[in-house]
Amino acid sequence: MNRLLIIGPPGAGKGTQAARIADKLNIPAISTGDIFRKNIKEETPLGKEAKSYIDAGNLVPDSVTNNMVRARLAEEDARDGFLLDGYPRNTAQVAELDEILKELGQEIDQVLLLIADNDELVERLLGRAAEQGRTDDTEEVIRHRLKVYEEQTAPLLSVYRERALIQEVDGLGEIDDVTTRILEALKK
């Protein structure tokens, strides 16, 4: 089965690669970031709440995120596999994901960890901000998001290392090259 996570710092290319890999494996790419942005654009109550956290460079509270992921993983198209992008972000969410999957009779097969240099990520995200006009991508907020990632997200990697699920992949370079490296890692 292909029940995958893709993890890495903001700007490492998770969204781009998740869509490409999910397409090649014929599984849904499930991105909490995309779901939040859709709700923000539509100005739903969840979107307004999420926007206040995201604009400050903080993460949306676990309770909101957990319920959203639980509902999404229960959908028919995710039954035979999925690629989660942006979740879990901390060890509490790892425990919640374990519980969600246990209820579904499933477990994670592999964790793709995209590796990238922080300064390169800042440049990449500033470029994206200019192209897309994203309010959450100022240099100050980007550096804060990288710090939040290191403090809150990186510790969950030890959990997946203990389970021998992590495949590290260099996230820098041409998009096609990164995709090729990920597909090779999944064969291991």
Protein backbone atom coordinates (compact mmCIF):
# COMPACT_ATOMS: atom_id res chain seq x y z
CA MET A 1 0.00 0.00 0.00
CA ASN A 2 1.01 3.60 -0.47
CA ARG A 3 0.17 5.41 2.75
CA LEU A 4 2.79 8.10 2.76
CA LEU A 5 3.79 11.26 4.56
CA ILE A 6 5.90 14.02 3.06
CA ILE A 7 7.70 16.18 5.61
CA GLY A 8 10.10 19.07 5.31
CA PRO A 9 10.52 22.72 6.15
CA PRO A 10 8.33 25.41 4.59
CA GLY A 11 9.38 26.00 0.99
CA ALA A 12 11.08 22.62 0.54
CA GLY A 13 8.73 21.73 -2.31
CA LYS A 14 6.39 19.41 -0.42
CA GLY A 15 3.25 20.58 -2.23
CA THR A 16 4.77 20.37 -5.69
CA GLN A 17 6.28 16.96 -5.06
CA ALA A 18 3.21 15.60 -3.24
CA ALA A 19 1.02 16.34 -6.26
CA ARG A 20 3.52 14.76 -8.67
CA ILE A 21 4.14 11.65 -6.57
CA ALA A 22 0.44 11.14 -5.78
CA ASP A 23 -0.35 11.39 -9.49
CA LYS A 24 2.31 8.80 -10.37
CA LEU A 25 1.04 6.44 -7.62
CA ASN A 26 -2.65 7.15 -8.36
CA ILE A 27 -3.41 8.19 -4.77
CA PRO A 28 -4.77 11.49 -3.43
CA ALA A 29 -2.37 14.15 -2.21
CA ILE A 30 -3.93 15.49 0.96
CA SER A 31 -2.56 18.91 1.90
CA THR A 32 -3.71 20.67 5.04
CA GLY A 33 -2.24 23.87 3.61
CA ASP A 34 -4.44 23.65 0.50
CA ILE A 35 -7.51 23.00 2.62
CA PHE A 36 -6.71 26.00 4.82
CA ARG A 37 -6.07 28.26 1.80
CA LYS A 38 -9.37 27.17 0.20
CA ASN A 39 -11.24 28.03 3.40
CA ILE A 40 -9.39 31.36 3.69
CA LYS A 41 -10.27 32.29 0.11
CA GLU A 42 -13.92 31.37 0.71
CA GLU A 43 -13.83 33.27 4.05
CA THR A 44 -15.39 30.38 5.97
CA PRO A 45 -15.26 30.49 9.79
CA LEU A 46 -12.43 27.92 9.69
CA GLY A 47 -10.67 30.00 7.05
CA LYS A 48 -10.86 33.17 9.13
CA GLU A 49 -9.53 31.34 12.18
CA ALA A 50 -6.77 29.62 10.20
CA LYS A 51 -5.76 32.92 8.53
CA SER A 52 -5.14 34.63 11.86
CA TYR A 53 -2.63 31.91 12.80
CA ILE A 54 -1.04 31.56 9.37
CA ASP A 55 -0.55 35.31 8.89
CA ALA A 56 1.36 35.41 12.19
CA GLY A 57 3.54 32.48 11.04
CA ASN A 58 2.00 30.10 13.55
CA LEU A 59 0.39 26.72 13.07
CA VAL A 60 -3.36 26.17 13.10
CA PRO A 61 -4.42 24.47 16.39
CA ASP A 62 -4.27 20.68 16.45
CA SER A 63 -7.97 20.25 17.25
CA VAL A 64 -9.02 21.95 14.00
CA THR A 65 -6.40 20.16 11.94
CA ASN A 66 -7.01 16.70 13.47
CA ASN A 67 -10.74 16.76 12.74
CA MET A 68 -10.13 17.88 9.18
CA VAL A 69 -7.60 15.08 8.57
CA ARG A 70 -9.85 12.45 10.22
CA ALA A 71 -12.70 13.34 7.88
CA ARG A 72 -10.48 13.42 4.80
CA LEU A 73 -8.79 10.05 5.43
CA ALA A 74 -12.21 8.43 5.84
CA GLU A 75 -13.16 9.40 2.27
CA GLU A 76 -13.36 6.64 -0.34
CA ASP A 77 -10.46 7.82 -2.52
CA ALA A 78 -8.01 7.56 0.41
CA ARG A 79 -8.89 3.97 1.32
CA ASP A 80 -6.17 2.40 -0.84
CA GLY A 81 -3.49 4.99 -0.17
CA PHE A 82 -2.73 8.67 0.25
CA LEU A 83 0.11 11.12 0.54
CA LEU A 84 -0.27 13.49 3.50
CA ASP A 85 1.42 16.87 3.08
CA GLY A 86 1.62 19.18 6.09
CA TYR A 87 0.38 16.68 8.68
CA PRO A 88 1.45 15.56 11.21
CA ARG A 89 3.47 18.59 12.34
CA ASN A 90 4.21 17.57 15.93
CA THR A 91 4.33 14.50 18.16
CA ALA A 92 0.77 15.03 19.42
CA GLN A 93 -0.45 14.90 15.82
CA VAL A 94 1.62 11.74 15.25
CA ALA A 95 -0.31 10.07 18.09
CA GLU A 96 -3.62 11.36 16.69
CA LEU A 97 -2.75 10.12 13.18
CA ASP A 98 -1.84 6.72 14.63
CA GLU A 99 -5.28 6.61 16.28
CA ILE A 100 -7.10 7.73 13.11
CA LEU A 101 -5.31 5.07 11.04
CA LYS A 102 -5.86 2.39 13.69
CA GLU A 103 -9.61 3.09 13.48
CA LEU A 104 -9.36 2.63 9.69
CA GLY A 105 -7.23 -0.54 10.02
CA GLN A 106 -4.27 1.20 8.36
CA GLU A 107 -0.76 2.42 9.12
CA ILE A 108 1.88 4.64 7.52
CA ASP A 109 4.13 2.81 5.03
CA GLN A 110 6.86 5.42 4.46
CA VAL A 111 7.81 8.97 5.40
CA LEU A 112 9.51 11.14 2.78
CA LEU A 113 11.74 13.77 4.38
CA LEU A 114 12.75 16.60 2.08
CA ILE A 115 16.04 18.18 3.12
CA ALA A 116 16.91 21.79 2.20
CA ASP A 117 19.14 24.64 3.39
CA ASN A 118 17.29 27.40 5.35
CA ASP A 119 18.80 30.31 3.40
CA GLU A 120 17.81 28.66 0.13
CA LEU A 121 14.30 28.17 1.51
CA VAL A 122 14.00 31.85 2.45
CA GLU A 123 14.99 32.87 -1.10
CA ARG A 124 12.58 30.34 -2.60
CA LEU A 125 9.67 31.52 -0.44
CA LEU A 126 10.36 35.21 -1.06
CA GLY A 127 10.25 34.46 -4.79
CA ARG A 128 6.95 32.63 -4.39
CA ALA A 129 5.55 35.52 -2.35
CA ALA A 130 6.40 37.95 -5.14
CA GLU A 131 4.81 35.70 -7.79
CA GLN A 132 1.66 34.82 -5.87
CA GLY A 133 1.17 37.83 -3.61
CA ARG A 134 1.00 35.60 -0.54
CA THR A 135 0.55 37.55 2.70
CA ASP A 136 2.14 34.76 4.77
CA ASP A 137 5.52 34.94 3.02
CA THR A 138 7.46 37.96 4.32
CA GLU A 139 11.09 37.31 5.31
CA GLU A 140 10.31 37.79 9.01
CA VAL A 141 7.36 35.38 8.89
CA ILE A 142 9.34 32.87 6.79
CA ARG A 143 12.19 32.77 9.31
CA HIS A 144 9.65 32.41 12.13
CA ARG A 145 7.96 29.53 10.28
CA LEU A 146 11.34 27.81 9.84
CA LYS A 147 12.01 28.20 13.57
CA VAL A 148 8.54 26.85 14.41
CA TYR A 149 9.21 23.90 12.09
CA GLU A 150 12.51 23.12 13.79
CA GLU A 151 11.05 23.41 17.28
CA GLN A 152 7.72 21.64 16.78
CA THR A 153 7.95 19.47 13.69
CA ALA A 154 11.50 18.13 13.65
CA PRO A 155 11.03 16.18 16.94
CA LEU A 156 8.35 13.98 15.33
CA LEU A 157 11.02 12.68 12.99
CA SER A 158 12.56 10.68 15.84
CA VAL A 159 9.28 8.78 16.17
CA TYR A 160 9.35 7.79 12.51
CA ARG A 161 13.09 7.05 12.64
CA GLU A 162 12.42 4.58 15.48
CA ARG A 163 9.87 2.91 13.20
CA ALA A 164 12.42 2.88 10.33
CA LEU A 165 9.98 4.65 8.01
CA ILE A 166 11.99 7.71 6.93
CA GLN A 167 13.46 8.11 3.46
CA GLU A 168 15.58 11.29 3.26
CA VAL A 169 15.56 13.07 -0.10
CA ASP A 170 17.44 16.18 -1.20
CA GLY A 171 14.67 18.70 -1.89
CA LEU A 172 16.86 21.18 -3.78
CA GLY A 173 17.39 21.23 -7.54
CA GLU A 174 15.21 20.87 -10.58
CA ILE A 175 11.65 19.68 -9.90
CA ASP A 176 11.99 16.62 -12.16
CA ASP A 177 15.25 15.63 -10.45
CA VAL A 178 13.67 15.83 -7.00
CA THR A 179 10.69 13.75 -8.21
CA THR A 180 13.09 11.11 -9.56
CA ARG A 181 14.96 11.02 -6.23
CA ILE A 182 11.68 10.58 -4.34
CA LEU A 183 10.50 7.74 -6.59
CA GLU A 184 13.87 6.01 -6.13
CA ALA A 185 13.59 6.43 -2.34
CA LEU A 186 10.13 4.85 -2.35
CA LYS A 187 11.56 1.71 -3.96
CA LYS A 188 13.87 1.15 -0.97
